[in-house]
Amino acid sequence: MGSLHSSTKSKKQQYLCKSCGKRFLDYYTYNAYHERINSEIIHFTKEGLGIRNTARVLGISTTTLLRRIIVIANSIPRPAVIKGKIYEVDEMKTFLGKKDKKIWIAYALERESKKVVSFYVGARTNKTLKAVLKTLFFSEAKRIYTDGLRNYPYLIKKKIHKVTRFGTNHIERSNLNLRTHLKRLNRRAICFSRSVAMMSAVLKIYFWM
């Protein structure tokens, strides 16, 4: 419930919420102020709509949408990681801005739950892989399955590192789902991310919301 409060500059009546103390209006001229807008942004992002498509459907500007996606992503906490689990780690190639500017998404999937517990967007280097593996080391991973990328043996202890023929089946299936669900990751799409920050934000919403 709310009580009458002051008016806005455009003479719209404001109300004050008795529970949380926030001000609100009966109706909003600009769609970006609606309470439902964040949940719809999350829904459309996870369904793979591009920025321009989402902005058009929601009736807001692309600048507002980009800013909202970053804010939503920053509010998402990292998932809790249970100790002693088995993980699969893989990298997926995509690009930023143009096809010749390659970037890699490295991430770790917990085999039993098939939940992504860690990811990082960057070059295909030890730095990127370490950012992902750090979470697994803290969780005292029982076993980590990877592909045959030569970086892994230098980063993961031999006793928990496994490279087998079907060891990364679950995360490779996840790669396919990512490319199917997120248009910006589809190899044949004209949709793309312009920055690492935006790609990371979209992935955070997709993985953890």
N, C-alpha and C. Protein backbone atom coordinates (compact mmCIF):
# COMPACT_ATOMS: atom_id res chain seq x y z
N MET A 1 0.84 -1.19 0.00
CA MET A 1 0.00 0.00 0.00
C MET A 1 0.89 1.25 0.00
N GLY A 2 0.35 2.30 -0.63
CA GLY A 2 1.11 3.53 -0.67
C GLY A 2 0.25 4.73 -0.33
N SER A 3 0.88 5.79 0.11
CA SER A 3 0.17 7.03 0.44
C SER A 3 0.57 8.11 -0.55
N LEU A 4 -0.28 9.13 -0.68
CA LEU A 4 0.01 10.21 -1.60
C LEU A 4 1.32 10.89 -1.24
N HIS A 5 2.07 11.24 -2.27
CA HIS A 5 3.34 11.93 -2.07
C HIS A 5 3.35 13.10 -3.02
N SER A 6 4.49 13.75 -3.19
CA SER A 6 4.60 14.92 -4.06
C SER A 6 4.41 14.52 -5.53
N SER A 7 4.26 15.49 -6.39
CA SER A 7 4.11 15.26 -7.83
C SER A 7 5.46 15.38 -8.53
N THR A 8 5.54 14.79 -9.72
CA THR A 8 6.75 14.90 -10.51
C THR A 8 6.76 16.22 -11.26
N LYS A 9 7.84 16.52 -11.95
CA LYS A 9 7.93 17.75 -12.73
C LYS A 9 6.87 17.79 -13.83
N SER A 10 6.48 16.61 -14.31
CA SER A 10 5.45 16.56 -15.36
C SER A 10 4.05 16.45 -14.78
N LYS A 11 3.91 16.75 -13.48
CA LYS A 11 2.62 16.81 -12.78
C LYS A 11 1.96 15.44 -12.57
N LYS A 12 2.75 14.37 -12.55
CA LYS A 12 2.19 13.05 -12.26
C LYS A 12 2.23 12.82 -10.76
N GLN A 13 1.15 12.21 -10.26
CA GLN A 13 1.06 11.97 -8.82
C GLN A 13 2.00 10.85 -8.39
N GLN A 14 2.82 11.10 -7.39
CA GLN A 14 3.70 10.08 -6.82
C GLN A 14 3.08 9.51 -5.55
N TYR A 15 3.44 8.25 -5.28
CA TYR A 15 2.99 7.59 -4.07
C TYR A 15 4.20 7.09 -3.29
N LEU A 16 4.05 7.00 -1.99
CA LEU A 16 5.13 6.52 -1.13
C LEU A 16 4.73 5.16 -0.55
N CYS A 17 5.58 4.14 -0.80
CA CYS A 17 5.31 2.81 -0.27
C CYS A 17 5.55 2.79 1.24
N LYS A 18 4.54 2.34 2.01
CA LYS A 18 4.66 2.32 3.47
C LYS A 18 5.61 1.22 3.95
N SER A 19 5.84 0.21 3.11
CA SER A 19 6.69 -0.91 3.51
C SER A 19 8.17 -0.63 3.30
N CYS A 20 8.51 -0.19 2.05
CA CYS A 20 9.92 -0.03 1.72
C CYS A 20 10.37 1.43 1.66
N GLY A 21 9.41 2.37 1.68
CA GLY A 21 9.78 3.78 1.66
C GLY A 21 10.10 4.32 0.28
N LYS A 22 9.93 3.50 -0.78
CA LYS A 22 10.23 3.96 -2.13
C LYS A 22 9.03 4.69 -2.74
N ARG A 23 9.34 5.60 -3.66
CA ARG A 23 8.29 6.32 -4.37
C ARG A 23 7.96 5.60 -5.68
N PHE A 24 6.70 5.69 -6.08
CA PHE A 24 6.31 5.08 -7.34
C PHE A 24 5.12 5.85 -7.93
N LEU A 25 4.84 5.57 -9.22
CA LEU A 25 3.73 6.21 -9.92
C LEU A 25 2.65 5.19 -10.24
N ASP A 26 1.46 5.69 -10.49
CA ASP A 26 0.37 4.81 -10.93
C ASP A 26 0.67 4.23 -12.30
N TYR A 27 1.25 5.05 -13.17
CA TYR A 27 1.61 4.61 -14.51
C TYR A 27 2.85 5.36 -14.94
N TYR A 28 3.59 4.76 -15.88
CA TYR A 28 4.84 5.35 -16.36
C TYR A 28 4.75 5.58 -17.87
N THR A 29 5.19 6.76 -18.28
CA THR A 29 5.18 7.06 -19.70
C THR A 29 6.28 6.29 -20.42
N TYR A 30 7.45 6.18 -19.78
CA TYR A 30 8.58 5.48 -20.39
C TYR A 30 8.65 4.07 -19.84
N ASN A 31 8.65 3.10 -20.74
CA ASN A 31 8.56 1.70 -20.35
C ASN A 31 9.69 1.23 -19.44
N ALA A 32 10.84 1.87 -19.51
CA ALA A 32 12.00 1.41 -18.74
C ALA A 32 11.76 1.50 -17.24
N TYR A 33 10.78 2.29 -16.81
CA TYR A 33 10.53 2.46 -15.38
C TYR A 33 9.59 1.40 -14.80
N HIS A 34 8.96 0.60 -15.65
CA HIS A 34 8.04 -0.41 -15.16
C HIS A 34 8.79 -1.45 -14.33
N GLU A 35 8.16 -1.94 -13.26
CA GLU A 35 8.78 -2.92 -12.38
C GLU A 35 9.08 -4.23 -13.10
N ARG A 36 8.28 -4.56 -14.10
CA ARG A 36 8.42 -5.85 -14.81
C ARG A 36 9.61 -5.85 -15.76
N ILE A 37 10.17 -4.70 -16.04
CA ILE A 37 11.12 -4.60 -17.15
C ILE A 37 12.35 -5.46 -16.93
N ASN A 38 12.87 -5.54 -15.71
CA ASN A 38 14.08 -6.33 -15.47
C ASN A 38 13.84 -7.81 -15.70
N SER A 39 12.69 -8.32 -15.25
CA SER A 39 12.39 -9.74 -15.45
C SER A 39 12.23 -10.04 -16.94
N GLU A 40 11.70 -9.11 -17.70
CA GLU A 40 11.55 -9.32 -19.14
C GLU A 40 12.90 -9.25 -19.84
N ILE A 41 13.77 -8.38 -19.38
CA ILE A 41 15.12 -8.32 -19.94
C ILE A 41 15.84 -9.65 -19.71
N ILE A 42 15.72 -10.19 -18.51
CA ILE A 42 16.32 -11.48 -18.20
C ILE A 42 15.75 -12.57 -19.10
N HIS A 43 14.44 -12.58 -19.25
CA HIS A 43 13.79 -13.60 -20.09
C HIS A 43 14.26 -13.52 -21.54
N PHE A 44 14.24 -12.34 -22.11
CA PHE A 44 14.64 -12.19 -23.51
C PHE A 44 16.13 -12.45 -23.72
N THR A 45 16.93 -12.08 -22.72
CA THR A 45 18.37 -12.35 -22.83
C THR A 45 18.63 -13.85 -22.86
N LYS A 46 17.96 -14.59 -21.98
CA LYS A 46 18.15 -16.04 -21.93
C LYS A 46 17.57 -16.73 -23.16
N GLU A 47 16.61 -16.09 -23.81
CA GLU A 47 16.04 -16.64 -25.04
C GLU A 47 16.88 -16.28 -26.27
N GLY A 48 17.91 -15.48 -26.07
CA GLY A 48 18.84 -15.20 -27.15
C GLY A 48 18.51 -14.02 -28.04
N LEU A 49 17.54 -13.18 -27.67
CA LEU A 49 17.24 -12.01 -28.49
C LEU A 49 18.42 -11.04 -28.46
N GLY A 50 18.68 -10.44 -29.60
CA GLY A 50 19.74 -9.44 -29.68
C GLY A 50 19.32 -8.15 -28.99
N ILE A 51 20.29 -7.26 -28.81
CA ILE A 51 20.03 -6.00 -28.10
C ILE A 51 18.97 -5.17 -28.82
N ARG A 52 19.09 -5.01 -30.12
CA ARG A 52 18.13 -4.18 -30.85
C ARG A 52 16.74 -4.79 -30.82
N ASN A 53 16.65 -6.11 -30.97
CA ASN A 53 15.35 -6.78 -30.93
C ASN A 53 14.69 -6.62 -29.57
N THR A 54 15.47 -6.84 -28.51
CA THR A 54 14.93 -6.72 -27.16
C THR A 54 14.46 -5.31 -26.88
N ALA A 55 15.28 -4.32 -27.25
CA ALA A 55 14.90 -2.92 -27.03
C ALA A 55 13.62 -2.58 -27.78
N ARG A 56 13.49 -3.07 -29.00
CA ARG A 56 12.30 -2.78 -29.79
C ARG A 56 11.04 -3.42 -29.17
N VAL A 57 11.16 -4.66 -28.73
CA VAL A 57 10.02 -5.36 -28.13
C VAL A 57 9.59 -4.68 -26.83
N LEU A 58 10.57 -4.26 -26.01
CA LEU A 58 10.26 -3.65 -24.72
C LEU A 58 9.93 -2.17 -24.81
N GLY A 59 10.21 -1.57 -25.97
CA GLY A 59 9.91 -0.16 -26.15
C GLY A 59 10.83 0.76 -25.37
N ILE A 60 12.11 0.36 -25.25
CA ILE A 60 13.10 1.20 -24.56
C ILE A 60 14.30 1.40 -25.49
N SER A 61 15.18 2.31 -25.13
CA SER A 61 16.34 2.58 -25.98
C SER A 61 17.41 1.50 -25.77
N THR A 62 18.26 1.31 -26.77
CA THR A 62 19.34 0.32 -26.66
C THR A 62 20.33 0.72 -25.56
N THR A 63 20.54 2.02 -25.40
CA THR A 63 21.45 2.50 -24.35
C THR A 63 20.94 2.12 -22.97
N THR A 64 19.64 2.31 -22.76
CA THR A 64 19.03 1.94 -21.47
C THR A 64 19.11 0.44 -21.26
N LEU A 65 18.85 -0.32 -22.31
CA LEU A 65 18.90 -1.78 -22.21
C LEU A 65 20.30 -2.27 -21.84
N LEU A 66 21.31 -1.75 -22.51
CA LEU A 66 22.69 -2.13 -22.21
C LEU A 66 23.05 -1.83 -20.76
N ARG A 67 22.65 -0.68 -20.30
CA ARG A 67 22.93 -0.29 -18.92
C ARG A 67 22.20 -1.21 -17.94
N ARG A 68 20.97 -1.56 -18.26
CA ARG A 68 20.19 -2.45 -17.38
C ARG A 68 20.80 -3.85 -17.32
N ILE A 69 21.27 -4.35 -18.44
CA ILE A 69 21.87 -5.69 -18.46
C ILE A 69 23.09 -5.74 -17.54
N ILE A 70 23.92 -4.70 -17.59
CA ILE A 70 25.10 -4.64 -16.73
C ILE A 70 24.69 -4.58 -15.26
N VAL A 71 23.68 -3.77 -14.95
CA VAL A 71 23.22 -3.64 -13.56
C VAL A 71 22.67 -4.97 -13.05
N ILE A 72 21.86 -5.63 -13.88
CA ILE A 72 21.29 -6.93 -13.49
C ILE A 72 22.40 -7.94 -13.25
N ALA A 73 23.36 -8.00 -14.17
CA ALA A 73 24.46 -8.95 -14.05
C ALA A 73 25.28 -8.70 -12.78
N ASN A 74 25.51 -7.43 -12.46
CA ASN A 74 26.31 -7.10 -11.27
C ASN A 74 25.60 -7.49 -9.98
N SER A 75 24.29 -7.67 -10.04
CA SER A 75 23.53 -8.02 -8.84
C SER A 75 23.44 -9.53 -8.62
N ILE A 76 23.93 -10.31 -9.58
CA ILE A 76 23.83 -11.77 -9.50
C ILE A 76 25.03 -12.32 -8.71
N PRO A 77 24.78 -13.04 -7.64
CA PRO A 77 25.89 -13.60 -6.86
C PRO A 77 26.47 -14.84 -7.54
N ARG A 78 27.71 -15.13 -7.26
CA ARG A 78 28.31 -16.36 -7.76
C ARG A 78 27.64 -17.55 -7.08
N PRO A 79 27.47 -18.65 -7.79
CA PRO A 79 26.82 -19.82 -7.17
C PRO A 79 27.71 -20.47 -6.11
N ALA A 80 27.06 -21.07 -5.12
CA ALA A 80 27.81 -21.80 -4.11
C ALA A 80 28.39 -23.06 -4.73
N VAL A 81 29.62 -23.38 -4.38
CA VAL A 81 30.30 -24.54 -4.95
C VAL A 81 30.53 -25.57 -3.85
N ILE A 82 30.05 -26.79 -4.07
CA ILE A 82 30.18 -27.86 -3.10
C ILE A 82 31.54 -28.55 -3.28
N LYS A 83 32.16 -28.89 -2.16
CA LYS A 83 33.48 -29.51 -2.21
C LYS A 83 33.42 -30.96 -2.70
N GLY A 84 34.52 -31.38 -3.33
CA GLY A 84 34.69 -32.79 -3.70
C GLY A 84 33.88 -33.26 -4.89
N LYS A 85 33.54 -32.37 -5.80
CA LYS A 85 32.74 -32.75 -6.96
C LYS A 85 33.62 -32.99 -8.19
N ILE A 86 33.00 -33.52 -9.24
CA ILE A 86 33.68 -33.77 -10.52
C ILE A 86 33.25 -32.69 -11.52
N TYR A 87 34.23 -32.14 -12.23
CA TYR A 87 33.95 -31.03 -13.14
C TYR A 87 34.46 -31.32 -14.55
N GLU A 88 33.83 -30.64 -15.51
CA GLU A 88 34.30 -30.63 -16.89
C GLU A 88 34.61 -29.19 -17.26
N VAL A 89 35.73 -28.98 -17.92
CA VAL A 89 36.15 -27.63 -18.32
C VAL A 89 36.38 -27.61 -19.83
N ASP A 90 35.93 -26.54 -20.46
CA ASP A 90 36.12 -26.43 -21.91
C ASP A 90 36.19 -24.95 -22.30
N GLU A 91 36.60 -24.70 -23.52
CA GLU A 91 36.68 -23.34 -24.06
C GLU A 91 35.86 -23.28 -25.35
N MET A 92 35.21 -22.14 -25.56
CA MET A 92 34.43 -21.94 -26.77
C MET A 92 34.89 -20.67 -27.47
N LYS A 93 35.17 -20.76 -28.75
CA LYS A 93 35.63 -19.60 -29.51
C LYS A 93 34.46 -18.79 -30.03
N THR A 94 34.55 -17.47 -29.89
CA THR A 94 33.58 -16.58 -30.51
C THR A 94 34.33 -15.31 -30.92
N PHE A 95 33.66 -14.19 -31.10
CA PHE A 95 34.35 -12.97 -31.52
C PHE A 95 33.67 -11.74 -30.95
N LEU A 96 34.40 -10.64 -30.95
CA LEU A 96 33.88 -9.36 -30.49
C LEU A 96 33.91 -8.36 -31.62
N GLY A 97 32.78 -7.79 -31.92
CA GLY A 97 32.73 -6.71 -32.90
C GLY A 97 32.87 -7.13 -34.35
N LYS A 98 33.87 -7.95 -34.65
CA LYS A 98 34.06 -8.41 -36.01
C LYS A 98 34.70 -9.79 -35.99
N LYS A 99 34.55 -10.51 -37.09
CA LYS A 99 34.91 -11.92 -37.13
C LYS A 99 36.39 -12.19 -36.86
N ASP A 100 37.26 -11.24 -37.19
CA ASP A 100 38.70 -11.52 -37.01
C ASP A 100 39.20 -11.14 -35.61
N LYS A 101 38.32 -10.66 -34.74
CA LYS A 101 38.70 -10.36 -33.36
C LYS A 101 38.20 -11.49 -32.47
N LYS A 102 38.98 -12.55 -32.38
CA LYS A 102 38.55 -13.76 -31.67
C LYS A 102 38.67 -13.59 -30.15
N ILE A 103 37.74 -14.24 -29.45
CA ILE A 103 37.72 -14.25 -28.00
C ILE A 103 37.27 -15.63 -27.56
N TRP A 104 37.62 -16.01 -26.35
CA TRP A 104 37.29 -17.35 -25.86
C TRP A 104 36.48 -17.28 -24.57
N ILE A 105 35.49 -18.15 -24.48
CA ILE A 105 34.73 -18.33 -23.25
C ILE A 105 35.18 -19.64 -22.63
N ALA A 106 35.86 -19.57 -21.50
CA ALA A 106 36.27 -20.77 -20.78
C ALA A 106 35.34 -20.92 -19.58
N TYR A 107 34.85 -22.13 -19.34
CA TYR A 107 33.96 -22.31 -18.20
C TYR A 107 34.00 -23.73 -17.67
N ALA A 108 33.51 -23.88 -16.44
CA ALA A 108 33.51 -25.17 -15.76
C ALA A 108 32.09 -25.57 -15.41
N LEU A 109 31.79 -26.84 -15.65
CA LEU A 109 30.47 -27.38 -15.40
C LEU A 109 30.58 -28.53 -14.40
N GLU A 110 29.74 -28.50 -13.37
CA GLU A 110 29.73 -29.58 -12.38
C GLU A 110 28.94 -30.75 -12.98
N ARG A 111 29.59 -31.90 -13.07
CA ARG A 111 29.03 -33.00 -13.86
C ARG A 111 27.68 -33.50 -13.36
N GLU A 112 27.52 -33.63 -12.06
CA GLU A 112 26.28 -34.21 -11.52
C GLU A 112 25.07 -33.31 -11.75
N SER A 113 25.20 -32.05 -11.42
CA SER A 113 24.08 -31.11 -11.54
C SER A 113 24.00 -30.45 -12.91
N LYS A 114 25.11 -30.51 -13.66
CA LYS A 114 25.23 -29.86 -14.98
C LYS A 114 25.10 -28.33 -14.87
N LYS A 115 25.49 -27.81 -13.71
CA LYS A 115 25.45 -26.37 -13.48
C LYS A 115 26.82 -25.76 -13.74
N VAL A 116 26.83 -24.59 -14.36
CA VAL A 116 28.08 -23.87 -14.58
C VAL A 116 28.47 -23.19 -13.27
N VAL A 117 29.67 -23.42 -12.80
CA VAL A 117 30.11 -22.86 -11.52
C VAL A 117 31.13 -21.74 -11.69
N SER A 118 31.73 -21.63 -12.86
CA SER A 118 32.74 -20.60 -13.08
C SER A 118 32.93 -20.37 -14.57
N PHE A 119 33.15 -19.12 -14.97
CA PHE A 119 33.46 -18.83 -16.37
C PHE A 119 34.30 -17.56 -16.46
N TYR A 120 34.96 -17.41 -17.60
CA TYR A 120 35.80 -16.23 -17.83
C TYR A 120 35.89 -15.99 -19.33
N VAL A 121 35.84 -14.74 -19.73
CA VAL A 121 35.94 -14.38 -21.14
C VAL A 121 37.28 -13.69 -21.37
N GLY A 122 38.07 -14.24 -22.30
CA GLY A 122 39.38 -13.66 -22.58
C GLY A 122 40.09 -14.42 -23.67
N ALA A 123 41.37 -14.19 -23.80
CA ALA A 123 42.18 -14.90 -24.79
C ALA A 123 42.36 -16.35 -24.35
N ARG A 124 42.76 -17.21 -25.27
CA ARG A 124 42.96 -18.62 -24.94
C ARG A 124 44.34 -18.79 -24.32
N THR A 125 44.46 -18.31 -23.10
CA THR A 125 45.75 -18.29 -22.42
C THR A 125 45.62 -18.90 -21.02
N ASN A 126 46.76 -19.09 -20.38
CA ASN A 126 46.76 -19.62 -19.01
C ASN A 126 46.00 -18.70 -18.06
N LYS A 127 46.06 -17.40 -18.27
CA LYS A 127 45.37 -16.45 -17.41
C LYS A 127 43.87 -16.72 -17.41
N THR A 128 43.30 -16.91 -18.60
CA THR A 128 41.87 -17.18 -18.73
C THR A 128 41.51 -18.50 -18.07
N LEU A 129 42.30 -19.54 -18.33
CA LEU A 129 42.01 -20.85 -17.76
C LEU A 129 42.17 -20.85 -16.25
N LYS A 130 43.18 -20.15 -15.75
CA LYS A 130 43.40 -20.08 -14.30
C LYS A 130 42.22 -19.42 -13.59
N ALA A 131 41.63 -18.41 -14.23
CA ALA A 131 40.48 -17.72 -13.63
C ALA A 131 39.32 -18.67 -13.41
N VAL A 132 39.16 -19.64 -14.31
CA VAL A 132 38.10 -20.64 -14.18
C VAL A 132 38.49 -21.72 -13.19
N LEU A 133 39.72 -22.22 -13.30
CA LEU A 133 40.16 -23.34 -12.47
C LEU A 133 40.30 -22.97 -11.00
N LYS A 134 40.51 -21.68 -10.72
CA LYS A 134 40.69 -21.24 -9.34
C LYS A 134 39.51 -21.66 -8.47
N THR A 135 38.31 -21.51 -8.97
CA THR A 135 37.11 -21.90 -8.22
C THR A 135 37.11 -23.39 -7.92
N LEU A 136 37.55 -24.19 -8.88
CA LEU A 136 37.55 -25.64 -8.71
C LEU A 136 38.60 -26.06 -7.68
N PHE A 137 39.73 -25.39 -7.67
CA PHE A 137 40.76 -25.72 -6.69
C PHE A 137 40.30 -25.37 -5.28
N PHE A 138 39.60 -24.24 -5.14
CA PHE A 138 39.09 -23.86 -3.82
C PHE A 138 38.05 -24.86 -3.33
N SER A 139 37.32 -25.46 -4.28
CA SER A 139 36.28 -26.43 -3.90
C SER A 139 36.84 -27.84 -3.75
N GLU A 140 38.16 -27.96 -3.83
CA GLU A 140 38.82 -29.25 -3.68
C GLU A 140 38.22 -30.30 -4.63
N ALA A 141 38.25 -29.98 -5.91
CA ALA A 141 37.66 -30.85 -6.94
C ALA A 141 38.21 -32.26 -6.85
N LYS A 142 37.31 -33.23 -6.95
CA LYS A 142 37.71 -34.63 -6.93
C LYS A 142 38.38 -35.01 -8.24
N ARG A 143 37.86 -34.48 -9.36
CA ARG A 143 38.40 -34.79 -10.67
C ARG A 143 38.02 -33.68 -11.63
N ILE A 144 38.90 -33.38 -12.57
CA ILE A 144 38.61 -32.36 -13.58
C ILE A 144 38.89 -32.95 -14.96
N TYR A 145 37.87 -33.00 -15.79
CA TYR A 145 38.00 -33.50 -17.16
C TYR A 145 38.15 -32.34 -18.12
N THR A 146 39.09 -32.45 -19.04
CA THR A 146 39.28 -31.41 -20.06
C THR A 146 39.53 -32.08 -21.41
N ASP A 147 39.64 -31.26 -22.45
CA ASP A 147 40.06 -31.76 -23.75
C ASP A 147 41.59 -31.83 -23.76
N GLY A 148 42.16 -32.02 -24.92
CA GLY A 148 43.61 -32.21 -25.00
C GLY A 148 44.43 -30.95 -25.13
N LEU A 149 43.85 -29.79 -24.81
CA LEU A 149 44.60 -28.54 -24.89
C LEU A 149 45.86 -28.63 -24.03
N ARG A 150 46.99 -28.27 -24.60
CA ARG A 150 48.28 -28.50 -23.93
C ARG A 150 48.49 -27.66 -22.68
N ASN A 151 47.68 -26.62 -22.47
CA ASN A 151 47.84 -25.78 -21.28
C ASN A 151 47.44 -26.51 -20.01
N TYR A 152 46.45 -27.38 -20.09
CA TYR A 152 45.87 -27.96 -18.87
C TYR A 152 46.86 -28.76 -18.02
N PRO A 153 47.71 -29.61 -18.59
CA PRO A 153 48.62 -30.38 -17.73
C PRO A 153 49.54 -29.51 -16.87
N TYR A 154 49.80 -28.27 -17.29
CA TYR A 154 50.64 -27.37 -16.51
C TYR A 154 49.86 -26.65 -15.41
N LEU A 155 48.51 -26.70 -15.51
CA LEU A 155 47.67 -25.94 -14.59
C LEU A 155 46.92 -26.81 -13.58
N ILE A 156 46.73 -28.09 -13.91
CA ILE A 156 45.95 -28.98 -13.06
C ILE A 156 46.83 -30.14 -12.59
N LYS A 157 46.74 -30.47 -11.33
CA LYS A 157 47.52 -31.58 -10.78
C LYS A 157 47.16 -32.89 -11.49
N LYS A 158 48.17 -33.66 -11.76
CA LYS A 158 48.00 -34.89 -12.53
C LYS A 158 47.01 -35.86 -11.90
N LYS A 159 46.98 -35.92 -10.57
CA LYS A 159 46.13 -36.91 -9.89
C LYS A 159 44.63 -36.62 -10.02
N ILE A 160 44.27 -35.38 -10.36
CA ILE A 160 42.85 -35.07 -10.53
C ILE A 160 42.49 -34.71 -11.97
N HIS A 161 43.50 -34.60 -12.84
CA HIS A 161 43.26 -34.22 -14.23
C HIS A 161 43.04 -35.44 -15.10
N LYS A 162 41.95 -35.44 -15.87
CA LYS A 162 41.62 -36.56 -16.75
C LYS A 162 41.32 -36.06 -18.16
N VAL A 163 41.91 -36.74 -19.16
CA VAL A 163 41.58 -36.47 -20.56
C VAL A 163 41.18 -37.80 -21.18
N THR A 164 39.88 -37.99 -21.38
CA THR A 164 39.37 -39.24 -21.95
C THR A 164 38.45 -38.94 -23.12
N ARG A 165 38.13 -39.95 -23.87
CA ARG A 165 37.36 -39.77 -25.10
C ARG A 165 35.99 -39.13 -24.85
N PHE A 166 35.28 -39.58 -23.83
CA PHE A 166 33.94 -39.04 -23.55
C PHE A 166 33.91 -38.22 -22.26
N GLY A 167 35.06 -37.77 -21.83
CA GLY A 167 35.14 -37.08 -20.55
C GLY A 167 34.47 -35.71 -20.51
N THR A 168 34.33 -35.07 -21.67
CA THR A 168 33.74 -33.73 -21.70
C THR A 168 32.42 -33.70 -22.47
N ASN A 169 31.71 -34.84 -22.49
CA ASN A 169 30.44 -34.92 -23.23
C ASN A 169 29.42 -33.89 -22.76
N HIS A 170 29.30 -33.72 -21.45
CA HIS A 170 28.27 -32.83 -20.91
C HIS A 170 28.54 -31.37 -21.27
N ILE A 171 29.79 -30.96 -21.14
CA ILE A 171 30.08 -29.55 -21.42
C ILE A 171 30.08 -29.27 -22.93
N GLU A 172 30.40 -30.26 -23.73
CA GLU A 172 30.31 -30.07 -25.19
C GLU A 172 28.86 -29.93 -25.61
N ARG A 173 27.96 -30.65 -24.94
CA ARG A 173 26.53 -30.48 -25.19
C ARG A 173 26.09 -29.09 -24.75
N SER A 174 26.65 -28.62 -23.65
CA SER A 174 26.35 -27.28 -23.17
C SER A 174 26.81 -26.23 -24.18
N ASN A 175 27.96 -26.46 -24.82
CA ASN A 175 28.44 -25.55 -25.86
C ASN A 175 27.42 -25.41 -26.98
N LEU A 176 26.83 -26.55 -27.38
CA LEU A 176 25.82 -26.54 -28.44
C LEU A 176 24.60 -25.74 -28.00
N ASN A 177 24.18 -25.95 -26.75
CA ASN A 177 23.03 -25.21 -26.23
C ASN A 177 23.30 -23.70 -26.21
N LEU A 178 24.52 -23.34 -25.82
CA LEU A 178 24.88 -21.92 -25.79
C LEU A 178 24.77 -21.29 -27.17
N ARG A 179 25.32 -21.96 -28.15
CA ARG A 179 25.28 -21.41 -29.51
C ARG A 179 23.85 -21.37 -30.06
N THR A 180 23.01 -22.30 -29.61
CA THR A 180 21.62 -22.34 -30.06
C THR A 180 20.78 -21.26 -29.38
N HIS A 181 20.99 -21.08 -28.08
CA HIS A 181 20.15 -20.17 -27.31
C HIS A 181 20.59 -18.72 -27.39
N LEU A 182 21.89 -18.47 -27.49
CA LEU A 182 22.40 -17.10 -27.52
C LEU A 182 22.86 -16.75 -28.93
N LYS A 183 22.09 -15.91 -29.57
CA LYS A 183 22.35 -15.57 -30.97
C LYS A 183 23.75 -15.01 -31.17
N ARG A 184 24.27 -14.29 -30.19
CA ARG A 184 25.58 -13.65 -30.33
C ARG A 184 26.71 -14.67 -30.39
N LEU A 185 26.45 -15.92 -30.02
CA LEU A 185 27.47 -16.97 -30.06
C LEU A 185 27.34 -17.87 -31.28
N ASN A 186 26.28 -17.69 -32.05
CA ASN A 186 26.08 -18.51 -33.24
C ASN A 186 27.07 -18.12 -34.32
N ARG A 187 27.75 -19.11 -34.88
CA ARG A 187 28.81 -18.83 -35.86
C ARG A 187 28.30 -18.11 -37.11
N ARG A 188 27.06 -18.38 -37.49
CA ARG A 188 26.54 -17.82 -38.74
C ARG A 188 25.67 -16.57 -38.52
N ALA A 189 25.57 -16.13 -37.28
CA ALA A 189 24.72 -14.98 -36.98
C ALA A 189 25.47 -13.67 -37.24
N ILE A 190 24.69 -12.60 -37.49
CA ILE A 190 25.29 -11.28 -37.62
C ILE A 190 25.25 -10.54 -36.28
N CYS A 191 24.60 -11.16 -35.27
CA CYS A 191 24.55 -10.59 -33.93
C CYS A 191 25.88 -10.85 -33.22
N PHE A 192 26.37 -9.87 -32.46
CA PHE A 192 27.64 -10.04 -31.78
C PHE A 192 27.72 -9.10 -30.58
N SER A 193 28.66 -9.37 -29.68
CA SER A 193 28.93 -8.49 -28.55
C SER A 193 30.02 -7.51 -28.95
N ARG A 194 29.92 -6.29 -28.45
CA ARG A 194 30.93 -5.27 -28.76
C ARG A 194 32.00 -5.18 -27.69
N SER A 195 31.74 -5.76 -26.52
CA SER A 195 32.71 -5.66 -25.43
C SER A 195 32.71 -6.93 -24.60
N VAL A 196 33.84 -7.16 -23.91
CA VAL A 196 33.95 -8.29 -23.00
C VAL A 196 32.95 -8.13 -21.85
N ALA A 197 32.79 -6.89 -21.38
CA ALA A 197 31.88 -6.63 -20.26
C ALA A 197 30.45 -7.04 -20.59
N MET A 198 29.99 -6.71 -21.82
CA MET A 198 28.63 -7.06 -22.20
C MET A 198 28.47 -8.56 -22.40
N MET A 199 29.45 -9.19 -23.01
CA MET A 199 29.38 -10.64 -23.19
C MET A 199 29.37 -11.35 -21.84
N SER A 200 30.20 -10.90 -20.92
CA SER A 200 30.25 -11.49 -19.59
C SER A 200 28.92 -11.30 -18.86
N ALA A 201 28.32 -10.14 -19.02
CA ALA A 201 27.04 -9.86 -18.36
C ALA A 201 25.94 -10.79 -18.89
N VAL A 202 25.89 -10.95 -20.21
CA VAL A 202 24.89 -11.82 -20.82
C VAL A 202 25.08 -13.27 -20.36
N LEU A 203 26.33 -13.72 -20.32
CA LEU A 203 26.61 -15.08 -19.88
C LEU A 203 26.25 -15.28 -18.41
N LYS A 204 26.50 -14.28 -17.61
CA LYS A 204 26.17 -14.36 -16.18
C LYS A 204 24.66 -14.52 -16.00
N ILE A 205 23.88 -13.77 -16.76
CA ILE A 205 22.42 -13.89 -16.71
C ILE A 205 21.99 -15.28 -17.20
N TYR A 206 22.58 -15.72 -18.28
CA TYR A 206 22.20 -17.02 -18.86
C TYR A 206 22.56 -18.18 -17.92
N PHE A 207 23.74 -18.14 -17.35
CA PHE A 207 24.20 -19.24 -16.50
C PHE A 207 23.55 -19.25 -15.12
N TRP A 208 23.34 -18.06 -14.52
CA TRP A 208 23.06 -18.01 -13.09
C TRP A 208 21.73 -17.37 -12.71
N MET A 209 20.87 -17.09 -13.68
CA MET A 209 19.53 -16.56 -13.34
C MET A 209 18.47 -17.63 -13.61
